[in-house]
Amino acid sequence: METNKKTRPRKEMVGTVVSARMAKTIAVVASHHAVHPIFKKTIKRFTKFKAHDEKNSAKVGDIVRVRLARPLSKDKCWKLVEIVKKTT
């Protein structure tokens, strides 16, 4: 019996690599805008997370796209999909 399992697309984020010192791991910072609850002004918020980089190809300053994955360690649950823009 064949089942049609529809999986929804995984969450993706684009961010900047801020650390690549760990083995097969990069630290990525992604920013988003939020409205302040009292002053109603737009403020910039930052989210920092670790992502798995199998080939150690990303360097500090690169803009990368990461995708949500299963937990790979205590802190890592994102995987590197592609490097959008490399730094020179």
N, C-alpha and C. Protein backbone atom coordinates (compact mmCIF):
# COMPACT_ATOMS: atom_id res chain seq x y z
N MET A 1 0.83 -1.17 0.00
CA MET A 1 0.00 0.00 0.00
C MET A 1 0.88 1.25 0.00
N GLU A 2 0.65 2.11 -0.95
CA GLU A 2 1.47 3.30 -1.11
C GLU A 2 0.80 4.50 -0.44
N THR A 3 1.60 5.24 0.30
CA THR A 3 1.05 6.42 0.97
C THR A 3 1.67 7.67 0.37
N ASN A 4 0.86 8.68 0.22
CA ASN A 4 1.35 9.97 -0.28
C ASN A 4 1.64 10.86 0.92
N LYS A 5 2.90 10.91 1.29
CA LYS A 5 3.31 11.72 2.42
C LYS A 5 3.79 13.07 1.90
N LYS A 6 3.09 14.13 2.28
CA LYS A 6 3.51 15.47 1.87
C LYS A 6 4.26 16.10 3.02
N THR A 7 5.52 16.44 2.76
CA THR A 7 6.31 17.09 3.78
C THR A 7 6.36 18.58 3.47
N ARG A 8 6.21 19.37 4.49
CA ARG A 8 6.29 20.80 4.26
C ARG A 8 7.75 21.23 4.16
N PRO A 9 8.00 22.32 3.46
CA PRO A 9 9.39 22.74 3.30
C PRO A 9 10.01 23.17 4.62
N ARG A 10 11.28 22.87 4.77
CA ARG A 10 12.01 23.22 6.00
C ARG A 10 12.25 24.72 6.04
N LYS A 11 12.34 25.25 7.25
CA LYS A 11 12.59 26.66 7.44
C LYS A 11 14.01 27.00 7.00
N GLU A 12 14.17 28.09 6.26
CA GLU A 12 15.47 28.53 5.80
C GLU A 12 15.71 29.96 6.25
N MET A 13 16.98 30.28 6.50
CA MET A 13 17.37 31.64 6.88
C MET A 13 18.63 32.02 6.13
N VAL A 14 18.78 33.31 5.91
CA VAL A 14 19.99 33.84 5.29
C VAL A 14 20.68 34.70 6.34
N GLY A 15 21.97 34.46 6.53
CA GLY A 15 22.71 35.21 7.55
C GLY A 15 24.18 35.33 7.19
N THR A 16 24.91 35.95 8.08
CA THR A 16 26.34 36.19 7.89
C THR A 16 27.14 35.32 8.85
N VAL A 17 28.20 34.72 8.35
CA VAL A 17 29.06 33.88 9.18
C VAL A 17 29.92 34.79 10.06
N VAL A 18 29.87 34.56 11.38
CA VAL A 18 30.67 35.36 12.31
C VAL A 18 31.80 34.55 12.94
N SER A 19 31.75 33.22 12.84
CA SER A 19 32.82 32.39 13.37
C SER A 19 32.88 31.09 12.58
N ALA A 20 34.11 30.68 12.23
CA ALA A 20 34.30 29.41 11.52
C ALA A 20 35.48 28.66 12.12
N ARG A 21 35.71 28.83 13.41
CA ARG A 21 36.86 28.21 14.06
C ARG A 21 36.62 26.76 14.47
N MET A 22 35.37 26.37 14.60
CA MET A 22 35.07 25.01 15.03
C MET A 22 35.12 24.04 13.85
N ALA A 23 35.36 22.79 14.13
CA ALA A 23 35.42 21.78 13.07
C ALA A 23 34.02 21.47 12.57
N LYS A 24 33.79 21.66 11.27
CA LYS A 24 32.53 21.39 10.59
C LYS A 24 31.36 22.17 11.18
N THR A 25 31.61 23.31 11.80
CA THR A 25 30.57 24.12 12.40
C THR A 25 30.84 25.59 12.13
N ILE A 26 29.78 26.33 11.81
CA ILE A 26 29.89 27.77 11.64
C ILE A 26 28.86 28.44 12.53
N ALA A 27 29.17 29.64 12.99
CA ALA A 27 28.22 30.45 13.75
C ALA A 27 27.66 31.50 12.80
N VAL A 28 26.34 31.59 12.72
CA VAL A 28 25.66 32.47 11.78
C VAL A 28 24.80 33.46 12.55
N VAL A 29 24.80 34.72 12.09
CA VAL A 29 23.93 35.75 12.67
C VAL A 29 22.93 36.17 11.60
N ALA A 30 21.64 36.10 11.95
CA ALA A 30 20.57 36.55 11.06
C ALA A 30 19.84 37.69 11.76
N SER A 31 19.47 38.71 11.00
CA SER A 31 18.78 39.85 11.60
C SER A 31 17.36 39.95 11.06
N HIS A 32 16.48 40.51 11.87
CA HIS A 32 15.11 40.79 11.45
C HIS A 32 14.64 42.06 12.15
N HIS A 33 13.59 42.67 11.63
CA HIS A 33 13.07 43.90 12.20
C HIS A 33 11.83 43.60 13.04
N ALA A 34 11.72 44.28 14.16
CA ALA A 34 10.57 44.12 15.05
C ALA A 34 10.12 45.51 15.50
N VAL A 35 8.87 45.61 15.89
CA VAL A 35 8.32 46.88 16.36
C VAL A 35 8.37 46.90 17.88
N HIS A 36 8.89 47.98 18.43
CA HIS A 36 8.97 48.14 19.88
C HIS A 36 7.55 48.25 20.45
N PRO A 37 7.23 47.52 21.53
CA PRO A 37 5.85 47.50 22.01
C PRO A 37 5.35 48.83 22.57
N ILE A 38 6.22 49.65 23.11
CA ILE A 38 5.79 50.92 23.70
C ILE A 38 5.99 52.08 22.74
N PHE A 39 7.18 52.17 22.16
CA PHE A 39 7.52 53.33 21.34
C PHE A 39 7.11 53.20 19.89
N LYS A 40 6.70 52.00 19.47
CA LYS A 40 6.23 51.73 18.11
C LYS A 40 7.26 52.07 17.03
N LYS A 41 8.53 51.98 17.37
CA LYS A 41 9.58 52.20 16.40
C LYS A 41 10.15 50.86 15.96
N THR A 42 10.66 50.81 14.74
CA THR A 42 11.25 49.60 14.22
C THR A 42 12.67 49.47 14.75
N ILE A 43 12.95 48.31 15.34
CA ILE A 43 14.29 48.03 15.85
C ILE A 43 14.83 46.76 15.20
N LYS A 44 16.14 46.68 15.14
CA LYS A 44 16.79 45.53 14.51
C LYS A 44 17.12 44.50 15.58
N ARG A 45 16.71 43.27 15.38
CA ARG A 45 17.00 42.17 16.30
C ARG A 45 17.91 41.17 15.61
N PHE A 46 18.78 40.52 16.40
CA PHE A 46 19.74 39.56 15.87
C PHE A 46 19.53 38.19 16.51
N THR A 47 19.67 37.14 15.71
CA THR A 47 19.61 35.77 16.17
C THR A 47 20.91 35.09 15.79
N LYS A 48 21.58 34.50 16.77
CA LYS A 48 22.85 33.81 16.51
C LYS A 48 22.65 32.32 16.75
N PHE A 49 23.07 31.51 15.79
CA PHE A 49 22.93 30.06 15.92
C PHE A 49 24.09 29.37 15.22
N LYS A 50 24.25 28.08 15.51
CA LYS A 50 25.32 27.29 14.92
C LYS A 50 24.75 26.40 13.82
N ALA A 51 25.53 26.22 12.76
CA ALA A 51 25.10 25.42 11.63
C ALA A 51 26.20 24.45 11.24
N HIS A 52 25.80 23.32 10.67
CA HIS A 52 26.73 22.27 10.25
C HIS A 52 27.26 22.58 8.86
N ASP A 53 28.58 22.61 8.73
CA ASP A 53 29.26 22.86 7.45
C ASP A 53 30.17 21.67 7.18
N GLU A 54 29.69 20.72 6.41
CA GLU A 54 30.39 19.44 6.21
C GLU A 54 31.77 19.61 5.60
N LYS A 55 31.93 20.52 4.63
CA LYS A 55 33.20 20.65 3.91
C LYS A 55 34.07 21.79 4.42
N ASN A 56 33.67 22.45 5.49
CA ASN A 56 34.39 23.62 6.01
C ASN A 56 34.63 24.66 4.91
N SER A 57 33.63 24.92 4.09
CA SER A 57 33.78 25.82 2.95
C SER A 57 33.45 27.27 3.27
N ALA A 58 32.68 27.54 4.30
CA ALA A 58 32.28 28.92 4.63
C ALA A 58 33.35 29.58 5.49
N LYS A 59 33.59 30.84 5.21
CA LYS A 59 34.56 31.63 5.96
C LYS A 59 33.86 32.80 6.63
N VAL A 60 34.54 33.48 7.53
CA VAL A 60 33.97 34.62 8.24
C VAL A 60 33.64 35.72 7.24
N GLY A 61 32.44 36.26 7.33
CA GLY A 61 32.00 37.33 6.44
C GLY A 61 31.15 36.86 5.28
N ASP A 62 31.13 35.56 5.00
CA ASP A 62 30.30 35.04 3.91
C ASP A 62 28.82 35.16 4.27
N ILE A 63 28.00 35.39 3.25
CA ILE A 63 26.56 35.37 3.42
C ILE A 63 26.09 33.99 3.00
N VAL A 64 25.40 33.27 3.90
CA VAL A 64 25.03 31.88 3.66
C VAL A 64 23.53 31.66 3.86
N ARG A 65 23.04 30.58 3.25
CA ARG A 65 21.66 30.14 3.46
C ARG A 65 21.73 28.82 4.23
N VAL A 66 20.99 28.75 5.35
CA VAL A 66 20.97 27.55 6.18
C VAL A 66 19.54 27.04 6.29
N ARG A 67 19.40 25.73 6.51
CA ARG A 67 18.10 25.08 6.59
C ARG A 67 17.99 24.34 7.91
N LEU A 68 16.81 24.37 8.50
CA LEU A 68 16.55 23.66 9.75
C LEU A 68 16.66 22.16 9.53
N ALA A 69 17.32 21.47 10.45
CA ALA A 69 17.54 20.02 10.34
C ALA A 69 17.31 19.38 11.70
N ARG A 70 17.53 18.10 11.76
CA ARG A 70 17.41 17.41 13.03
C ARG A 70 18.55 17.85 13.94
N PRO A 71 18.42 17.71 15.25
CA PRO A 71 19.52 18.10 16.13
C PRO A 71 20.78 17.27 15.87
N LEU A 72 21.88 17.96 15.64
CA LEU A 72 23.14 17.30 15.35
C LEU A 72 24.05 17.27 16.57
N SER A 73 23.84 18.19 17.50
CA SER A 73 24.57 18.21 18.76
C SER A 73 23.74 19.03 19.74
N LYS A 74 24.34 19.40 20.85
CA LYS A 74 23.60 20.16 21.86
C LYS A 74 23.13 21.50 21.31
N ASP A 75 23.96 22.16 20.50
CA ASP A 75 23.65 23.50 20.00
C ASP A 75 23.26 23.54 18.53
N LYS A 76 23.65 22.54 17.74
CA LYS A 76 23.45 22.60 16.30
C LYS A 76 22.17 21.92 15.85
N CYS A 77 21.34 22.67 15.12
CA CYS A 77 20.17 22.06 14.48
C CYS A 77 19.91 22.71 13.12
N TRP A 78 20.93 23.31 12.52
CA TRP A 78 20.85 23.91 11.20
C TRP A 78 21.95 23.31 10.32
N LYS A 79 21.69 23.27 8.99
CA LYS A 79 22.69 22.79 8.04
C LYS A 79 22.91 23.84 6.96
N LEU A 80 24.14 23.94 6.50
CA LEU A 80 24.49 24.87 5.43
C LEU A 80 23.93 24.36 4.11
N VAL A 81 23.17 25.20 3.41
CA VAL A 81 22.61 24.83 2.11
C VAL A 81 23.51 25.35 1.00
N GLU A 82 23.82 26.65 1.05
CA GLU A 82 24.67 27.23 0.02
C GLU A 82 25.31 28.50 0.53
N ILE A 83 26.38 28.89 -0.12
CA ILE A 83 27.02 30.17 0.16
C ILE A 83 26.50 31.15 -0.88
N VAL A 84 25.74 32.14 -0.43
CA VAL A 84 25.13 33.10 -1.34
C VAL A 84 26.17 34.05 -1.90
N LYS A 85 27.03 34.58 -1.01
CA LYS A 85 28.06 35.53 -1.45
C LYS A 85 29.32 35.30 -0.63
N LYS A 86 30.43 35.09 -1.35
CA LYS A 86 31.72 34.89 -0.67
C LYS A 86 32.42 36.23 -0.50
N THR A 87 33.19 36.33 0.58
CA THR A 87 34.02 37.51 0.78
C THR A 87 35.34 37.31 0.07
N THR A 88 35.97 38.36 -0.28
CA THR A 88 37.25 38.25 -1.00
C THR A 88 38.42 38.38 -0.07
